[in-house]
């Protein structure tokens, strides 16, 4: 049997260990995952708080279909048709966001929780162009594991709960939306120009 030199032996062991480990999820340092196709929009849901590492946020639409389940330290990439969308995000509580999306652009939404008295509540921040969130976007993506909706078992399926409970979540989020004044509603909107082009994504 041929003997390997120590250097070759170390390389061989590294190769075997890498092979056994299998494919690894891409990190958010590789920005190519965030470049939208010319005929679609992408929405990236970022969940990056250490305190939320065991928490999962569920994104769903008016049809009660799951769009994504975002766990700790993830950036989930969801392709959506250009146009208007109403999305609901539920964690400790439920929020509604309205989005008007353009093809070839990528939009970002941060999911997190905050302490409030003796409990925690969910927070949602659509990243709007020129906002403080826009400036922090690169930091929020650092260290996040990129996940694609096509690999999410929840995507495109009914939520795993009773339909009346989902409807109650929708009703409560819609009621909060209607009670909010204009500027408050605007905080939970994405407009077409909030989306990043491929060149802007590369600069993150």
Protein backbone atom coordinates (compact mmCIF):
# COMPACT_ATOMS: atom_id res chain seq x y z
CA UNK A 1 0.00 0.00 0.00
CA UNK A 2 1.37 3.41 -0.98
CA UNK A 3 2.29 5.62 1.95
CA UNK A 4 1.22 9.24 1.83
CA UNK A 5 3.49 12.06 2.89
CA UNK A 6 2.28 13.85 6.03
CA UNK A 7 1.08 16.86 4.02
CA UNK A 8 -0.77 14.70 1.52
CA UNK A 9 -2.22 12.64 4.34
CA UNK A 10 -3.60 15.75 6.04
CA UNK A 11 -5.16 16.93 2.79
CA UNK A 12 -6.69 13.52 2.20
CA UNK A 13 -8.21 13.41 5.70
CA UNK A 14 -9.63 16.93 5.21
CA UNK A 15 -11.18 15.90 1.91
CA UNK A 16 -12.79 12.80 3.45
CA UNK A 17 -14.21 14.77 6.37
CA UNK A 18 -15.58 17.42 4.01
CA UNK A 19 -17.21 14.74 1.84
CA UNK A 20 -18.80 12.99 4.80
CA UNK A 21 -20.20 16.26 6.10
CA UNK A 22 -22.30 16.62 2.96
CA UNK A 23 -23.49 19.87 1.38
CA UNK A 24 -23.57 22.91 3.61
CA UNK A 25 -26.05 25.81 3.44
CA UNK A 26 -24.65 28.96 1.91
CA UNK A 27 -23.83 31.89 4.13
CA UNK A 28 -25.15 35.40 3.53
CA UNK A 29 -21.62 36.54 2.60
CA UNK A 30 -22.40 35.12 -0.85
CA UNK A 31 -24.74 37.81 -2.18
CA UNK A 32 -25.57 35.97 -5.41
CA UNK A 33 -28.47 34.24 -3.62
CA UNK A 34 -30.13 37.64 -3.22
CA UNK A 35 -30.12 38.63 -6.89
CA UNK A 36 -33.67 38.57 -8.28
CA UNK A 37 -34.49 36.98 -11.65
CA UNK A 38 -35.54 39.43 -14.35
CA UNK A 39 -39.16 38.23 -14.28
CA UNK A 40 -39.62 37.88 -10.51
CA UNK A 41 -39.16 39.76 -7.27
CA UNK A 42 -37.37 38.30 -4.25
CA UNK A 43 -38.30 38.95 -0.63
CA UNK A 44 -35.68 37.98 1.95
CA UNK A 45 -36.89 37.43 5.52
CA UNK A 46 -34.04 37.91 8.02
CA UNK A 47 -34.18 36.52 11.56
CA UNK A 48 -30.93 37.35 13.32
CA UNK A 49 -31.36 37.86 17.07
CA UNK A 50 -29.47 35.51 19.37
CA UNK A 51 -32.43 35.68 21.77
CA UNK A 52 -34.62 34.23 19.01
CA UNK A 53 -32.41 31.26 18.15
CA UNK A 54 -35.14 28.80 19.22
CA UNK A 55 -37.97 30.91 17.79
CA UNK A 56 -39.62 30.39 14.41
CA UNK A 57 -41.59 33.03 12.52
CA UNK A 58 -44.22 31.98 9.98
CA UNK A 59 -45.03 34.06 6.90
CA UNK A 60 -48.35 33.41 5.15
CA UNK A 61 -50.73 35.05 2.69
CA UNK A 62 -54.44 35.91 2.45
CA UNK A 63 -55.15 32.39 1.19
CA UNK A 64 -53.75 30.97 4.45
CA UNK A 65 -50.89 29.40 2.52
CA UNK A 66 -47.49 29.25 4.19
CA UNK A 67 -44.78 31.18 2.40
CA UNK A 68 -41.86 30.60 4.77
CA UNK A 69 -40.87 29.47 8.25
CA UNK A 70 -37.84 31.43 9.35
CA UNK A 71 -35.74 30.10 12.21
CA UNK A 72 -32.79 31.45 14.16
CA UNK A 73 -30.01 33.20 12.22
CA UNK A 74 -31.62 32.61 8.84
CA UNK A 75 -32.17 34.69 5.72
CA UNK A 76 -34.92 32.96 3.74
CA UNK A 77 -35.20 33.91 0.07
CA UNK A 78 -38.76 33.85 -1.30
CA UNK A 79 -39.58 34.47 -4.99
CA UNK A 80 -42.89 36.28 -5.59
CA UNK A 81 -44.69 37.56 -8.65
CA UNK A 82 -44.34 41.30 -9.31
CA UNK A 83 -47.34 43.27 -8.10
CA UNK A 84 -49.20 43.84 -4.85
CA UNK A 85 -49.10 41.39 -1.96
CA UNK A 86 -50.51 41.34 1.57
CA UNK A 87 -48.42 39.17 3.87
CA UNK A 88 -48.84 38.15 7.50
CA UNK A 89 -46.00 37.29 9.85
CA UNK A 90 -46.73 35.48 13.08
CA UNK A 91 -44.44 34.77 16.00
CA UNK A 92 -45.40 35.91 19.48
CA UNK A 93 -48.10 37.97 17.73
CA UNK A 94 -49.10 38.71 14.13
CA UNK A 95 -48.21 41.64 11.85
CA UNK A 96 -49.43 42.60 8.40
CA UNK A 97 -47.26 44.11 5.70
CA UNK A 98 -48.35 45.38 2.28
CA UNK A 99 -45.83 45.13 -0.53
CA UNK A 100 -45.78 46.41 -4.10
CA UNK A 101 -42.99 44.49 -5.80
CA UNK A 102 -41.12 45.05 -9.04
CA UNK A 103 -39.50 42.37 -11.19
CA UNK A 104 -35.73 42.13 -10.94
CA UNK A 105 -35.58 43.68 -7.47
CA UNK A 106 -34.92 42.24 -4.03
CA UNK A 107 -36.72 43.32 -0.85
CA UNK A 108 -35.77 42.63 2.75
CA UNK A 109 -37.85 42.22 5.91
CA UNK A 110 -36.32 41.79 9.36
CA UNK A 111 -38.09 39.58 11.93
CA UNK A 112 -37.23 39.87 15.61
CA UNK A 113 -38.67 40.01 19.11
CA UNK A 114 -38.53 42.65 21.83
CA UNK A 115 -39.06 42.61 25.59
CA UNK A 116 -42.30 44.22 26.68
CA UNK A 117 -43.07 44.15 30.38
CA UNK A 118 -43.12 40.47 31.46
CA UNK A 119 -43.27 38.99 27.96
CA UNK A 120 -41.82 39.23 24.46
CA UNK A 121 -43.60 40.49 21.37
CA UNK A 122 -42.78 40.12 17.69
CA UNK A 123 -41.35 42.94 15.64
CA UNK A 124 -41.30 43.32 11.86
CA UNK A 125 -39.24 45.86 9.92
CA UNK A 126 -39.63 46.13 6.15
CA UNK A 127 -36.35 47.58 4.87
CA UNK A 128 -37.28 50.82 3.14
CA UNK A 129 -34.85 52.75 0.96
CA UNK A 130 -33.08 55.54 2.81
CA UNK A 131 -34.22 54.37 6.26
CA UNK A 132 -32.08 53.44 9.25
CA UNK A 133 -32.94 49.81 8.52
CA UNK A 134 -31.54 50.22 5.00
CA UNK A 135 -28.22 51.35 6.50
CA UNK A 136 -28.10 48.35 8.85
CA UNK A 137 -29.06 45.73 6.27
CA UNK A 138 -25.52 44.51 5.65
CA UNK A 139 -24.99 44.05 9.40
CA UNK A 140 -28.23 42.10 9.79
CA UNK A 141 -27.17 39.70 7.06
CA UNK A 142 -23.76 38.96 8.60
CA UNK A 143 -23.50 35.34 9.72
CA UNK A 144 -27.00 34.43 8.56
CA UNK A 145 -27.63 31.06 6.91
CA UNK A 146 -29.26 31.46 3.50
CA UNK A 147 -32.35 29.28 2.99
CA UNK A 148 -34.45 29.09 -0.17
CA UNK A 149 -38.24 28.79 -0.11
CA UNK A 150 -37.96 25.82 -2.48
CA UNK A 151 -36.22 23.92 0.36
CA UNK A 152 -38.75 24.98 3.01
CA UNK A 153 -41.22 22.14 3.77
CA UNK A 154 -43.85 24.73 4.71
CA UNK A 155 -43.77 26.71 1.46
CA UNK A 156 -46.99 26.63 -0.58
CA UNK A 157 -48.88 24.48 1.94
CA UNK A 158 -51.74 25.29 4.33
CA UNK A 159 -50.64 26.32 7.80
CA UNK A 160 -50.41 23.52 10.35
CA UNK A 161 -53.18 24.89 12.53
CA UNK A 162 -56.96 25.16 12.46
CA UNK A 163 -58.26 27.46 9.73
CA UNK A 164 -60.30 29.49 12.24
CA UNK A 165 -57.16 30.19 14.27
CA UNK A 166 -55.37 31.45 11.17
CA UNK A 167 -58.40 33.61 10.34
CA UNK A 168 -58.31 35.04 13.84
CA UNK A 169 -54.66 35.99 13.32
CA UNK A 170 -55.58 37.70 10.03
CA UNK A 171 -58.50 39.56 11.62
CA UNK A 172 -56.39 40.81 14.52
CA UNK A 173 -53.57 41.97 12.23
CA UNK A 174 -56.05 43.69 9.90
CA UNK A 175 -57.70 45.44 12.86
CA UNK A 176 -54.33 46.75 14.05
CA UNK A 177 -53.63 47.89 10.49
CA UNK A 178 -56.90 49.83 10.23
CA UNK A 179 -56.42 51.47 13.62
CA UNK A 180 -52.95 52.73 12.68
CA UNK A 181 -52.60 56.22 11.26
CA UNK A 182 -51.05 56.90 7.84
CA UNK A 183 -47.38 57.16 8.92
CA UNK A 184 -47.69 54.05 11.10
CA UNK A 185 -49.15 52.06 8.22
CA UNK A 186 -46.36 53.32 5.98
CA UNK A 187 -43.82 51.72 8.35
CA UNK A 188 -45.22 48.33 7.32
CA UNK A 189 -45.19 48.89 3.57
CA UNK A 190 -42.76 48.14 0.79
CA UNK A 191 -42.98 50.08 -2.46
CA UNK A 192 -41.33 49.14 -5.72
CA UNK A 193 -38.37 51.49 -5.31
CA UNK A 194 -37.46 49.88 -1.94
CA UNK A 195 -36.19 46.87 -3.87
CA UNK A 196 -32.46 46.53 -4.54
CA UNK A 197 -31.13 45.99 -8.04
CA UNK A 198 -28.52 43.32 -8.74
CA UNK A 199 -25.78 45.98 -8.63
CA UNK A 200 -26.98 47.23 -5.23
CA UNK A 201 -27.17 43.70 -3.83
CA UNK A 202 -23.54 43.15 -4.82
CA UNK A 203 -22.53 46.15 -2.69
CA UNK A 204 -24.14 44.91 0.52
